[in-house]
Amino acid sequence: MRFEIQFSGHKNIRSNHSMTLEITKETHLTPRGDCIVGVGAHSGCAGLPEDLKNKLRNPDSKVTIQVIADGHKFEINGTGHPDLALSHPEDIVIRKSDFVCPRTLAIKCDKASDIMPREMVAVLQNPDIKGTFSIIVE
């Protein structure tokens, strides 16, 4: 199953958090939001389809997240968890840890925002850029 969320870039994207990566429906971003790679997203966790949420709640699910923008693609692999609430209206967060909260989409991910290539981060700092956050669940 695949689900795609469109988002925009922002001048304050830093993408340097070592444990998480996030997109948000919010359009305002301060430099303190150092895990955020996209704003103005078309969905938060709450807006995901129920069949996708059910697949994400399977602890055996393999979750692949692809952040795609202007010819660049950053791919992250993680797992699902039965305690995922997937209820936050604004945010979607992937985590290297096994911490679960209403914003969490996947845990035990192999990468976080700090590993994103700096050329891609520079692209995402352009407010005119449009990107895609793809969620693929097997």
C-alpha atoms as a PDB file:
ATOM      1  CA  MET A   1       0.000   0.000   0.000  1.00  0.00           C
ATOM      2  CA  ARG A   2       1.222   3.479  -0.907  1.00  0.00           C
ATOM      3  CA  PHE A   3      -0.055   6.895   0.226  1.00  0.00           C
ATOM      4  CA  GLU A   4       1.405  10.245  -0.832  1.00  0.00           C
ATOM      5  CA  ILE A   5       1.238  13.599   0.924  1.00  0.00           C
ATOM      6  CA  GLN A   6       2.197  16.836  -0.786  1.00  0.00           C
ATOM      7  CA  PHE A   7       4.121  19.501   1.157  1.00  0.00           C
ATOM      8  CA  SER A   8       6.103  22.713   0.610  1.00  0.00           C
ATOM      9  CA  GLY A   9       9.581  23.879   1.455  1.00  0.00           C
ATOM     10  CA  HIS A  10      10.412  26.659   3.939  1.00  0.00           C
ATOM     11  CA  LYS A  11      13.409  28.951   4.451  1.00  0.00           C
ATOM     12  CA  ASN A  12      13.905  27.693   8.052  1.00  0.00           C
ATOM     13  CA  ILE A  13      14.226  23.986   7.237  1.00  0.00           C
ATOM     14  CA  ARG A  14      17.391  22.716   8.936  1.00  0.00           C
ATOM     15  CA  SER A  15      16.912  18.928   8.864  1.00  0.00           C
ATOM     16  CA  ASN A  16      19.541  18.215  11.511  1.00  0.00           C
ATOM     17  CA  HIS A  17      17.756  16.198  14.211  1.00  0.00           C
ATOM     18  CA  SER A  18      19.485  12.888  14.906  1.00  0.00           C
ATOM     19  CA  MET A  19      16.410  10.916  16.032  1.00  0.00           C
ATOM     20  CA  THR A  20      13.374  12.130  14.052  1.00  0.00           C
ATOM     21  CA  LEU A  21      12.062  13.480  10.763  1.00  0.00           C
ATOM     22  CA  GLU A  22       8.779  15.378  10.482  1.00  0.00           C
ATOM     23  CA  ILE A  23       6.367  17.001   8.066  1.00  0.00           C
ATOM     24  CA  THR A  24       3.596  19.302   9.300  1.00  0.00           C
ATOM     25  CA  LYS A  25       0.440  20.980   8.067  1.00  0.00           C
ATOM     26  CA  GLU A  26       1.637  24.157   9.813  1.00  0.00           C
ATOM     27  CA  THR A  27       3.008  26.821   7.479  1.00  0.00           C
ATOM     28  CA  HIS A  28       5.035  28.738  10.092  1.00  0.00           C
ATOM     29  CA  LEU A  29       8.425  27.262  11.033  1.00  0.00           C
ATOM     30  CA  THR A  30      11.138  28.589  13.323  1.00  0.00           C
ATOM     31  CA  PRO A  31      14.748  27.351  13.200  1.00  0.00           C
ATOM     32  CA  ARG A  32      14.014  25.396  16.413  1.00  0.00           C
ATOM     33  CA  GLY A  33      11.951  22.897  14.366  1.00  0.00           C
ATOM     34  CA  ASP A  34      15.140  21.118  13.389  1.00  0.00           C
ATOM     35  CA  CYS A  35      13.572  17.783  12.396  1.00  0.00           C
ATOM     36  CA  ILE A  36      10.987  19.285  10.024  1.00  0.00           C
ATOM     37  CA  VAL A  37      11.608  18.770   6.296  1.00  0.00           C
ATOM     38  CA  GLY A  38       8.283  20.053   4.943  1.00  0.00           C
ATOM     39  CA  VAL A  39       5.438  22.419   5.837  1.00  0.00           C
ATOM     40  CA  GLY A  40       1.934  22.985   4.516  1.00  0.00           C
ATOM     41  CA  ALA A  41       1.447  19.215   4.258  1.00  0.00           C
ATOM     42  CA  HIS A  42      -1.907  18.064   2.950  1.00  0.00           C
ATOM     43  CA  SER A  43      -2.336  15.654   5.883  1.00  0.00           C
ATOM     44  CA  GLY A  44      -1.283  14.941   9.432  1.00  0.00           C
ATOM     45  CA  CYS A  45      -1.512  11.490  11.024  1.00  0.00           C
ATOM     46  CA  ALA A  46      -5.247  11.924  11.695  1.00  0.00           C
ATOM     47  CA  GLY A  47      -5.970  12.357   7.989  1.00  0.00           C
ATOM     48  CA  LEU A  48      -4.411   9.072   6.894  1.00  0.00           C
ATOM     49  CA  PRO A  49      -6.780   6.441   5.465  1.00  0.00           C
ATOM     50  CA  GLU A  50      -7.993   3.877   8.017  1.00  0.00           C
ATOM     51  CA  ASP A  51      -6.692   0.912   5.996  1.00  0.00           C
ATOM     52  CA  LEU A  52      -3.214   2.482   6.030  1.00  0.00           C
ATOM     53  CA  LYS A  53      -3.443   3.120   9.777  1.00  0.00           C
ATOM     54  CA  ASN A  54      -4.381  -0.528  10.343  1.00  0.00           C
ATOM     55  CA  LYS A  55      -1.357  -1.698   8.342  1.00  0.00           C
ATOM     56  CA  LEU A  56       0.909   0.680  10.283  1.00  0.00           C
ATOM     57  CA  ARG A  57      -0.359  -0.821  13.550  1.00  0.00           C
ATOM     58  CA  ASN A  58       0.923  -4.255  12.554  1.00  0.00           C
ATOM     59  CA  PRO A  59       4.291  -4.774  14.299  1.00  0.00           C
ATOM     60  CA  ASP A  60       5.420  -6.940  11.368  1.00  0.00           C
ATOM     61  CA  SER A  61       4.816  -4.156   8.836  1.00  0.00           C
ATOM     62  CA  LYS A  62       7.788  -2.839   6.954  1.00  0.00           C
ATOM     63  CA  VAL A  63       7.384   0.913   6.450  1.00  0.00           C
ATOM     64  CA  THR A  64       9.289   2.852   3.803  1.00  0.00           C
ATOM     65  CA  ILE A  65       9.126   6.641   3.741  1.00  0.00           C
ATOM     66  CA  GLN A  66      10.347   8.540   0.700  1.00  0.00           C
ATOM     67  CA  VAL A  67      10.824  12.303   0.752  1.00  0.00           C
ATOM     68  CA  ILE A  68      10.946  13.467  -2.871  1.00  0.00           C
ATOM     69  CA  ALA A  69      11.608  17.007  -4.110  1.00  0.00           C
ATOM     70  CA  ASP A  70      13.086  18.511  -7.282  1.00  0.00           C
ATOM     71  CA  GLY A  71      14.755  15.298  -8.478  1.00  0.00           C
ATOM     72  CA  HIS A  72      16.067  14.343  -5.017  1.00  0.00           C
ATOM     73  CA  LYS A  73      14.827  11.323  -3.061  1.00  0.00           C
ATOM     74  CA  PHE A  74      15.580  10.438   0.577  1.00  0.00           C
ATOM     75  CA  GLU A  75      14.407   7.005   1.733  1.00  0.00           C
ATOM     76  CA  ILE A  76      13.916   5.773   5.297  1.00  0.00           C
ATOM     77  CA  ASN A  77      12.920   2.298   6.492  1.00  0.00           C
ATOM     78  CA  GLY A  78      11.162   1.530   9.760  1.00  0.00           C
ATOM     79  CA  THR A  79       8.450  -0.611  11.318  1.00  0.00           C
ATOM     80  CA  GLY A  80       4.891  -0.332  12.520  1.00  0.00           C
ATOM     81  CA  HIS A  81       3.651  -0.745  16.099  1.00  0.00           C
ATOM     82  CA  PRO A  82       0.299  -1.845  17.600  1.00  0.00           C
ATOM     83  CA  ASP A  83       0.142   1.222  19.883  1.00  0.00           C
ATOM     84  CA  LEU A  84       0.286   3.813  17.085  1.00  0.00           C
ATOM     85  CA  ALA A  85      -2.587   6.260  17.686  1.00  0.00           C
ATOM     86  CA  LEU A  86      -2.030   8.100  14.382  1.00  0.00           C
ATOM     87  CA  SER A  87      -4.363  10.815  15.632  1.00  0.00           C
ATOM     88  CA  HIS A  88      -2.406  14.079  15.486  1.00  0.00           C
ATOM     89  CA  PRO A  89      -4.210  16.524  13.184  1.00  0.00           C
ATOM     90  CA  GLU A  90      -1.106  18.460  12.063  1.00  0.00           C
ATOM     91  CA  ASP A  91       2.097  16.396  12.267  1.00  0.00           C
ATOM     92  CA  ILE A  92       3.664  13.172  11.011  1.00  0.00           C
ATOM     93  CA  VAL A  93       6.880  12.054  12.732  1.00  0.00           C
ATOM     94  CA  ILE A  94       9.101   9.077  12.049  1.00  0.00           C
ATOM     95  CA  ARG A  95      11.492   7.960  14.788  1.00  0.00           C
ATOM     96  CA  LYS A  96      14.702   6.005  15.182  1.00  0.00           C
ATOM     97  CA  SER A  97      13.586   5.108  18.709  1.00  0.00           C
ATOM     98  CA  ASP A  98      10.563   3.034  19.725  1.00  0.00           C
ATOM     99  CA  PHE A  99       8.765   6.035  21.287  1.00  0.00           C
ATOM    100  CA  VAL A 100       5.082   6.226  20.316  1.00  0.00           C
ATOM    101  CA  CYS A 101       2.780   9.266  20.570  1.00  0.00           C
ATOM    102  CA  PRO A 102      -0.176  10.574  18.483  1.00  0.00           C
ATOM    103  CA  ARG A 103       2.294  12.115  15.972  1.00  0.00           C
ATOM    104  CA  THR A 104       4.301   8.904  15.384  1.00  0.00           C
ATOM    105  CA  LEU A 105       4.005   7.180  11.987  1.00  0.00           C
ATOM    106  CA  ALA A 106       6.836   4.627  12.238  1.00  0.00           C
ATOM    107  CA  ILE A 107       9.478   3.544  14.755  1.00  0.00           C
ATOM    108  CA  LYS A 108      12.927   1.945  14.681  1.00  0.00           C
ATOM    109  CA  CYS A 109      13.761   3.834  11.502  1.00  0.00           C
ATOM    110  CA  ASP A 110      17.203   3.505   9.966  1.00  0.00           C
ATOM    111  CA  LYS A 111      17.643   7.247   9.369  1.00  0.00           C
ATOM    112  CA  ALA A 112      16.556  10.622  10.730  1.00  0.00           C
ATOM    113  CA  SER A 113      16.565  14.119   9.271  1.00  0.00           C
ATOM    114  CA  ASP A 114      20.268  14.745  10.012  1.00  0.00           C
ATOM    115  CA  ILE A 115      21.293  12.173   7.372  1.00  0.00           C
ATOM    116  CA  MET A 116      19.388  13.896   4.560  1.00  0.00           C
ATOM    117  CA  PRO A 117      21.878  15.094   1.928  1.00  0.00           C
ATOM    118  CA  ARG A 118      22.636  18.794   2.360  1.00  0.00           C
ATOM    119  CA  GLU A 119      21.916  19.441  -1.342  1.00  0.00           C
ATOM    120  CA  MET A 120      18.363  18.222  -0.747  1.00  0.00           C
ATOM    121  CA  VAL A 121      18.029  20.326   2.414  1.00  0.00           C
ATOM    122  CA  ALA A 122      19.037  23.386   0.374  1.00  0.00           C
ATOM    123  CA  VAL A 123      16.268  22.561  -2.137  1.00  0.00           C
ATOM    124  CA  LEU A 124      13.727  22.199   0.698  1.00  0.00           C
ATOM    125  CA  GLN A 125      14.680  25.653   2.022  1.00  0.00           C
ATOM    126  CA  ASN A 126      12.997  27.157  -1.037  1.00  0.00           C
ATOM    127  CA  PRO A 127       9.390  28.081  -0.091  1.00  0.00           C
ATOM    128  CA  ASP A 128       8.343  27.642  -3.737  1.00  0.00           C
ATOM    129  CA  ILE A 129       9.441  24.003  -3.878  1.00  0.00           C
ATOM    130  CA  LYS A 130       6.769  21.300  -3.697  1.00  0.00           C
ATOM    131  CA  GLY A 131       7.624  17.861  -2.394  1.00  0.00           C
ATOM    132  CA  THR A 132       6.042  14.467  -1.824  1.00  0.00           C
ATOM    133  CA  PHE A 133       6.118  12.406   1.370  1.00  0.00           C
ATOM    134  CA  SER A 134       5.394   8.830   0.293  1.00  0.00           C
ATOM    135  CA  ILE A 135       4.390   6.181   2.819  1.00  0.00           C
ATOM    136  CA  ILE A 136       4.770   2.604   1.601  1.00  0.00           C
ATOM    137  CA  VAL A 137       3.662  -0.232   3.880  1.00  0.00           C
ATOM    138  CA  GLU A 138       4.275  -3.929   3.194  1.00  0.00           C
END
